[in-house]
């Protein structure tokens, strides 16, 4: 996928499970996204220094809390769309509503791609 300027859309996948990262990477790359990976909060924050168009963030990452990670990402890039994934059925109470979505793991790949497109377009709502 490319932006209107013709450059590739960059996605950062942050999950401590290498198999999850691999499956998400394959799904997103099959749609033309340029994907980078992080296995812990420190890698997320280091990679976030560079421009990404989207982040897929596991709620439980080694090295910090999801609140701290989201806060750090928002501080660097206030409008960055973020999809938070969790094994829990409901999102945390303090999950920001702006440019953030929540999905339960394991996520169906069609649902993942739908949510990524929706967040990149700037609208977040439940799938039909």
N, C-alpha and C. Protein backbone atom coordinates (compact mmCIF):
# COMPACT_ATOMS: atom_id res chain seq x y z
N UNK A 1 0.85 -1.17 0.00
CA UNK A 1 0.00 0.00 0.00
C UNK A 1 0.89 1.23 0.00
N UNK A 2 0.48 2.25 -0.71
CA UNK A 2 1.27 3.47 -0.78
C UNK A 2 0.42 4.66 -0.36
N UNK A 3 1.11 5.69 0.07
CA UNK A 3 0.46 6.94 0.41
C UNK A 3 0.17 7.69 -0.89
N UNK A 4 -0.63 8.77 -0.83
CA UNK A 4 -0.89 9.53 -2.04
C UNK A 4 0.40 10.05 -2.69
N UNK A 5 1.45 10.25 -1.89
CA UNK A 5 2.71 10.73 -2.44
C UNK A 5 3.50 9.61 -3.11
N UNK A 6 3.00 8.36 -3.01
CA UNK A 6 3.65 7.23 -3.65
C UNK A 6 4.62 6.47 -2.77
N UNK A 7 4.81 6.91 -1.52
CA UNK A 7 5.72 6.19 -0.64
C UNK A 7 4.97 5.06 0.07
N UNK A 8 5.71 4.06 0.52
CA UNK A 8 5.12 2.91 1.18
C UNK A 8 4.61 3.27 2.56
N UNK A 9 3.52 2.62 2.98
CA UNK A 9 2.97 2.82 4.31
C UNK A 9 3.76 1.92 5.27
N UNK A 10 4.33 2.53 6.30
CA UNK A 10 5.19 1.84 7.25
C UNK A 10 4.39 1.44 8.49
N UNK A 11 4.48 0.15 8.86
CA UNK A 11 3.78 -0.38 10.01
C UNK A 11 4.79 -0.97 10.98
N UNK A 12 4.64 -0.65 12.27
CA UNK A 12 5.46 -1.22 13.32
C UNK A 12 4.62 -2.25 14.06
N UNK A 13 5.07 -3.51 14.06
CA UNK A 13 4.40 -4.56 14.81
C UNK A 13 5.18 -4.76 16.11
N UNK A 14 4.50 -4.61 17.24
CA UNK A 14 5.13 -4.76 18.54
C UNK A 14 4.45 -5.88 19.31
N UNK A 15 5.14 -7.02 19.40
CA UNK A 15 4.61 -8.17 20.11
C UNK A 15 5.79 -9.00 20.57
N UNK A 16 5.73 -9.53 21.78
CA UNK A 16 6.85 -10.32 22.29
C UNK A 16 6.87 -11.74 21.75
N UNK A 17 5.82 -12.17 21.08
CA UNK A 17 5.75 -13.52 20.52
C UNK A 17 6.22 -13.49 19.06
N UNK A 18 7.34 -14.15 18.74
CA UNK A 18 7.87 -14.10 17.37
C UNK A 18 6.91 -14.71 16.34
N UNK A 19 6.14 -15.71 16.73
CA UNK A 19 5.19 -16.31 15.79
C UNK A 19 4.08 -15.32 15.45
N UNK A 20 3.57 -14.62 16.44
CA UNK A 20 2.54 -13.60 16.20
C UNK A 20 3.10 -12.52 15.27
N UNK A 21 4.31 -12.05 15.57
CA UNK A 21 4.91 -11.02 14.71
C UNK A 21 5.03 -11.53 13.28
N UNK A 22 5.46 -12.77 13.11
CA UNK A 22 5.65 -13.32 11.76
C UNK A 22 4.32 -13.39 10.99
N UNK A 23 3.27 -13.87 11.65
CA UNK A 23 1.96 -13.98 10.99
C UNK A 23 1.43 -12.59 10.63
N UNK A 24 1.52 -11.64 11.56
CA UNK A 24 1.06 -10.28 11.27
C UNK A 24 1.88 -9.65 10.16
N UNK A 25 3.19 -9.86 10.20
CA UNK A 25 4.07 -9.33 9.15
C UNK A 25 3.66 -9.86 7.78
N UNK A 26 3.47 -11.18 7.69
CA UNK A 26 3.11 -11.78 6.40
C UNK A 26 1.78 -11.22 5.88
N UNK A 27 0.80 -11.07 6.77
CA UNK A 27 -0.50 -10.54 6.36
C UNK A 27 -0.38 -9.12 5.86
N UNK A 28 0.36 -8.29 6.58
CA UNK A 28 0.50 -6.89 6.20
C UNK A 28 1.37 -6.71 4.96
N UNK A 29 2.47 -7.46 4.87
CA UNK A 29 3.32 -7.35 3.69
C UNK A 29 2.59 -7.84 2.43
N UNK A 30 1.69 -8.81 2.59
CA UNK A 30 0.93 -9.30 1.42
C UNK A 30 0.04 -8.20 0.85
N UNK A 31 -0.24 -7.17 1.66
CA UNK A 31 -1.06 -6.04 1.21
C UNK A 31 -0.21 -4.84 0.81
N UNK A 32 1.12 -5.02 0.81
CA UNK A 32 2.02 -3.97 0.36
C UNK A 32 2.57 -3.05 1.44
N UNK A 33 2.28 -3.35 2.71
CA UNK A 33 2.79 -2.51 3.78
C UNK A 33 4.27 -2.82 4.02
N UNK A 34 5.03 -1.80 4.40
CA UNK A 34 6.43 -1.94 4.80
C UNK A 34 6.42 -2.16 6.31
N UNK A 35 6.91 -3.32 6.77
CA UNK A 35 6.74 -3.72 8.17
C UNK A 35 8.08 -3.77 8.91
N UNK A 36 8.08 -3.24 10.13
CA UNK A 36 9.19 -3.36 11.07
C UNK A 36 8.64 -4.07 12.30
N UNK A 37 9.53 -4.70 13.08
CA UNK A 37 9.10 -5.47 14.24
C UNK A 37 9.85 -5.05 15.50
N UNK A 38 9.14 -5.15 16.64
CA UNK A 38 9.74 -4.92 17.95
C UNK A 38 9.25 -6.00 18.89
N UNK A 39 10.16 -6.50 19.75
CA UNK A 39 9.82 -7.58 20.68
C UNK A 39 9.61 -7.10 22.11
N UNK A 40 9.97 -5.84 22.41
CA UNK A 40 9.76 -5.31 23.75
C UNK A 40 9.57 -3.79 23.67
N UNK A 41 9.22 -3.20 24.80
CA UNK A 41 8.93 -1.76 24.84
C UNK A 41 10.15 -0.93 24.43
N UNK A 42 11.33 -1.35 24.81
CA UNK A 42 12.54 -0.59 24.47
C UNK A 42 12.73 -0.55 22.95
N UNK A 43 12.50 -1.68 22.28
CA UNK A 43 12.60 -1.69 20.81
C UNK A 43 11.50 -0.83 20.18
N UNK A 44 10.30 -0.89 20.75
CA UNK A 44 9.19 -0.07 20.23
C UNK A 44 9.59 1.41 20.25
N UNK A 45 10.08 1.85 21.40
CA UNK A 45 10.40 3.27 21.54
C UNK A 45 11.59 3.66 20.67
N UNK A 46 12.56 2.77 20.50
CA UNK A 46 13.70 3.07 19.63
C UNK A 46 13.25 3.17 18.18
N UNK A 47 12.44 2.21 17.73
CA UNK A 47 11.96 2.24 16.35
C UNK A 47 10.99 3.39 16.11
N UNK A 48 10.26 3.78 17.15
CA UNK A 48 9.29 4.88 17.00
C UNK A 48 9.97 6.22 16.78
N UNK A 49 11.28 6.30 17.01
CA UNK A 49 12.01 7.53 16.70
C UNK A 49 11.96 7.82 15.20
N UNK A 50 11.80 6.77 14.41
CA UNK A 50 11.68 6.90 12.96
C UNK A 50 10.19 6.94 12.62
N UNK A 51 9.87 7.49 11.51
CA UNK A 51 8.48 7.67 11.10
C UNK A 51 7.82 6.34 10.74
N UNK A 52 6.69 6.06 11.38
CA UNK A 52 5.82 4.94 11.02
C UNK A 52 4.43 5.51 10.82
N UNK A 53 3.66 4.88 9.94
CA UNK A 53 2.31 5.36 9.67
C UNK A 53 1.27 4.69 10.56
N UNK A 54 1.68 3.57 11.19
CA UNK A 54 0.73 2.76 11.94
C UNK A 54 1.49 1.86 12.89
N UNK A 55 0.87 1.55 14.06
CA UNK A 55 1.47 0.61 15.02
C UNK A 55 0.44 -0.42 15.42
N UNK A 56 0.86 -1.69 15.42
CA UNK A 56 0.09 -2.79 16.01
C UNK A 56 0.81 -3.13 17.30
N UNK A 57 0.15 -2.95 18.44
CA UNK A 57 0.80 -3.04 19.75
C UNK A 57 0.14 -4.08 20.63
N UNK A 58 0.91 -5.09 21.04
CA UNK A 58 0.43 -6.07 22.01
C UNK A 58 0.31 -5.36 23.36
N UNK A 59 -0.73 -5.66 24.09
CA UNK A 59 -0.99 -4.97 25.35
C UNK A 59 0.01 -5.35 26.45
N UNK A 60 0.56 -6.56 26.37
CA UNK A 60 1.51 -7.04 27.37
C UNK A 60 2.88 -7.22 26.75
N UNK A 61 3.71 -6.20 26.88
CA UNK A 61 5.05 -6.25 26.32
C UNK A 61 6.08 -6.16 27.45
N UNK A 62 7.16 -6.92 27.33
CA UNK A 62 8.22 -6.80 28.33
C UNK A 62 8.83 -5.40 28.31
N UNK A 63 9.16 -4.89 29.50
CA UNK A 63 9.87 -3.62 29.59
C UNK A 63 9.02 -2.41 29.90
N UNK A 64 7.72 -2.58 30.09
CA UNK A 64 6.88 -1.43 30.40
C UNK A 64 5.40 -1.75 30.29
N UNK A 65 4.59 -0.80 30.68
CA UNK A 65 3.14 -0.98 30.62
C UNK A 65 2.59 -0.44 29.31
N UNK A 66 1.41 -0.89 28.94
CA UNK A 66 0.78 -0.39 27.72
C UNK A 66 0.49 1.11 27.86
N UNK A 67 0.14 1.55 29.05
CA UNK A 67 -0.13 2.98 29.27
C UNK A 67 1.13 3.81 28.99
N UNK A 68 2.28 3.35 29.52
CA UNK A 68 3.53 4.07 29.29
C UNK A 68 3.92 4.05 27.81
N UNK A 69 3.74 2.90 27.18
CA UNK A 69 4.10 2.76 25.77
C UNK A 69 3.23 3.66 24.90
N UNK A 70 1.92 3.61 25.13
CA UNK A 70 1.02 4.48 24.36
C UNK A 70 1.35 5.95 24.61
N UNK A 71 1.63 6.29 25.87
CA UNK A 71 1.97 7.67 26.19
C UNK A 71 3.22 8.12 25.46
N UNK A 72 4.24 7.27 25.44
CA UNK A 72 5.48 7.60 24.73
C UNK A 72 5.27 7.75 23.23
N UNK A 73 4.47 6.84 22.67
CA UNK A 73 4.19 6.92 21.23
C UNK A 73 3.41 8.19 20.91
N UNK A 74 2.41 8.51 21.73
CA UNK A 74 1.60 9.71 21.51
C UNK A 74 2.42 10.99 21.69
N UNK A 75 3.37 10.95 22.60
CA UNK A 75 4.23 12.12 22.81
C UNK A 75 5.06 12.39 21.55
N UNK A 76 5.58 11.34 20.95
CA UNK A 76 6.40 11.49 19.73
C UNK A 76 5.55 11.78 18.50
N UNK A 77 4.40 11.11 18.40
CA UNK A 77 3.56 11.19 17.21
C UNK A 77 2.09 11.23 17.63
N UNK A 78 1.56 12.42 17.96
CA UNK A 78 0.21 12.53 18.51
C UNK A 78 -0.91 11.92 17.67
N UNK A 79 -0.77 11.91 16.37
CA UNK A 79 -1.83 11.42 15.49
C UNK A 79 -1.59 10.00 14.97
N UNK A 80 -0.59 9.32 15.51
CA UNK A 80 -0.24 7.98 15.05
C UNK A 80 -1.37 7.00 15.33
N UNK A 81 -1.90 6.32 14.30
CA UNK A 81 -2.93 5.30 14.54
C UNK A 81 -2.31 4.06 15.18
N UNK A 82 -2.98 3.54 16.21
CA UNK A 82 -2.47 2.40 16.95
C UNK A 82 -3.59 1.38 17.16
N UNK A 83 -3.31 0.13 16.80
CA UNK A 83 -4.21 -0.98 17.07
C UNK A 83 -3.61 -1.77 18.22
N UNK A 84 -4.33 -1.82 19.35
CA UNK A 84 -3.88 -2.54 20.54
C UNK A 84 -4.50 -3.93 20.50
N UNK A 85 -3.65 -4.97 20.64
CA UNK A 85 -4.11 -6.36 20.65
C UNK A 85 -3.95 -6.94 22.05
N UNK A 86 -4.92 -7.76 22.46
CA UNK A 86 -4.85 -8.37 23.79
C UNK A 86 -5.59 -9.70 23.78
N UNK A 87 -5.17 -10.59 24.66
CA UNK A 87 -5.90 -11.83 24.88
C UNK A 87 -7.14 -11.63 25.73
N UNK A 88 -7.25 -10.48 26.35
CA UNK A 88 -8.42 -10.14 27.17
C UNK A 88 -9.59 -9.76 26.26
N UNK A 89 -10.80 -9.99 26.74
CA UNK A 89 -11.99 -9.72 25.93
C UNK A 89 -12.31 -8.24 25.80
N UNK A 90 -11.94 -7.45 26.80
CA UNK A 90 -12.30 -6.03 26.79
C UNK A 90 -11.04 -5.16 26.86
N UNK A 91 -11.10 -3.98 26.26
CA UNK A 91 -9.95 -3.07 26.33
C UNK A 91 -9.79 -2.51 27.74
N UNK A 92 -8.58 -2.08 28.07
CA UNK A 92 -8.40 -1.42 29.37
C UNK A 92 -9.23 -0.15 29.43
N UNK A 93 -9.65 0.20 30.64
CA UNK A 93 -10.50 1.38 30.83
C UNK A 93 -9.84 2.67 30.36
N UNK A 94 -8.52 2.74 30.45
CA UNK A 94 -7.84 3.99 30.13
C UNK A 94 -7.25 4.01 28.71
N UNK A 95 -7.74 3.16 27.83
CA UNK A 95 -7.27 3.16 26.45
C UNK A 95 -7.75 4.43 25.76
N UNK A 96 -6.82 5.21 25.19
CA UNK A 96 -7.24 6.44 24.50
C UNK A 96 -8.18 6.12 23.34
N UNK A 97 -9.13 7.00 23.12
CA UNK A 97 -10.09 6.77 22.04
C UNK A 97 -9.62 7.35 20.72
N UNK A 98 -8.78 8.36 20.76
CA UNK A 98 -8.35 9.03 19.54
C UNK A 98 -7.31 8.21 18.80
N UNK A 99 -7.63 7.88 17.56
CA UNK A 99 -6.71 7.16 16.67
C UNK A 99 -6.22 5.84 17.26
N UNK A 100 -7.05 5.21 18.12
CA UNK A 100 -6.69 3.95 18.75
C UNK A 100 -7.86 2.99 18.61
N UNK A 101 -7.54 1.72 18.33
CA UNK A 101 -8.56 0.69 18.27
C UNK A 101 -8.06 -0.48 19.11
N UNK A 102 -8.98 -1.37 19.48
CA UNK A 102 -8.67 -2.54 20.29
C UNK A 102 -9.24 -3.77 19.62
N UNK A 103 -8.47 -4.85 19.62
CA UNK A 103 -8.96 -6.13 19.10
C UNK A 103 -8.44 -7.25 19.98
N UNK A 104 -9.23 -8.30 20.07
CA UNK A 104 -8.85 -9.47 20.87
C UNK A 104 -8.01 -10.42 20.04
N UNK A 105 -6.99 -11.00 20.69
CA UNK A 105 -6.17 -12.02 20.06
C UNK A 105 -6.76 -13.39 20.37
N UNK A 106 -6.67 -14.33 19.48
CA UNK A 106 -6.09 -14.18 18.15
C UNK A 106 -7.04 -13.42 17.24
N UNK A 107 -6.47 -12.56 16.41
CA UNK A 107 -7.28 -11.74 15.51
C UNK A 107 -7.34 -12.41 14.13
N UNK A 108 -8.52 -12.43 13.56
CA UNK A 108 -8.68 -12.92 12.19
C UNK A 108 -7.93 -11.95 11.27
N UNK A 109 -7.23 -12.47 10.28
CA UNK A 109 -6.42 -11.61 9.42
C UNK A 109 -7.27 -10.61 8.64
N UNK A 110 -8.46 -11.02 8.21
CA UNK A 110 -9.35 -10.06 7.53
C UNK A 110 -9.73 -8.92 8.46
N UNK A 111 -9.98 -9.24 9.72
CA UNK A 111 -10.32 -8.21 10.71
C UNK A 111 -9.12 -7.29 10.94
N UNK A 112 -7.94 -7.86 11.04
CA UNK A 112 -6.72 -7.05 11.20
C UNK A 112 -6.60 -6.06 10.06
N UNK A 113 -6.69 -6.55 8.83
CA UNK A 113 -6.53 -5.68 7.67
C UNK A 113 -7.62 -4.62 7.61
N UNK A 114 -8.85 -4.99 7.98
CA UNK A 114 -9.96 -4.03 8.00
C UNK A 114 -9.68 -2.92 9.01
N UNK A 115 -9.22 -3.30 10.20
CA UNK A 115 -8.95 -2.31 11.25
C UNK A 115 -7.78 -1.40 10.86
N UNK A 116 -6.75 -1.96 10.26
CA UNK A 116 -5.62 -1.15 9.81
C UNK A 116 -6.09 -0.12 8.79
N UNK A 117 -6.85 -0.57 7.79
CA UNK A 117 -7.35 0.38 6.78
C UNK A 117 -8.20 1.47 7.42
N UNK A 118 -9.10 1.09 8.33
CA UNK A 118 -9.99 2.05 8.99
C UNK A 118 -9.19 3.09 9.78
N UNK A 119 -8.21 2.63 10.54
CA UNK A 119 -7.41 3.57 11.32
C UNK A 119 -6.59 4.49 10.42
N UNK A 120 -6.05 3.94 9.34
CA UNK A 120 -5.28 4.77 8.42
C UNK A 120 -6.15 5.81 7.73
N UNK A 121 -7.42 5.45 7.50
CA UNK A 121 -8.36 6.39 6.89
C UNK A 121 -8.89 7.40 7.91
N UNK A 122 -8.63 7.13 9.20
CA UNK A 122 -9.03 8.08 10.22
C UNK A 122 -10.37 7.81 10.88
N UNK A 123 -10.95 6.63 10.62
CA UNK A 123 -12.23 6.33 11.28
C UNK A 123 -12.10 5.00 12.01
N UNK A 124 -12.65 4.97 13.20
CA UNK A 124 -12.63 3.74 14.00
C UNK A 124 -14.06 3.39 14.36
N UNK A 125 -14.47 2.20 13.97
CA UNK A 125 -15.77 1.69 14.36
C UNK A 125 -15.73 0.18 14.25
N UNK A 126 -16.71 -0.47 14.81
CA UNK A 126 -16.72 -1.93 14.76
C UNK A 126 -17.02 -2.41 13.36
N UNK A 127 -16.45 -3.58 12.97
CA UNK A 127 -16.73 -4.10 11.65
C UNK A 127 -18.19 -4.45 11.50
N UNK A 128 -18.71 -4.41 10.26
CA UNK A 128 -20.13 -4.72 10.06
C UNK A 128 -20.46 -6.15 10.40
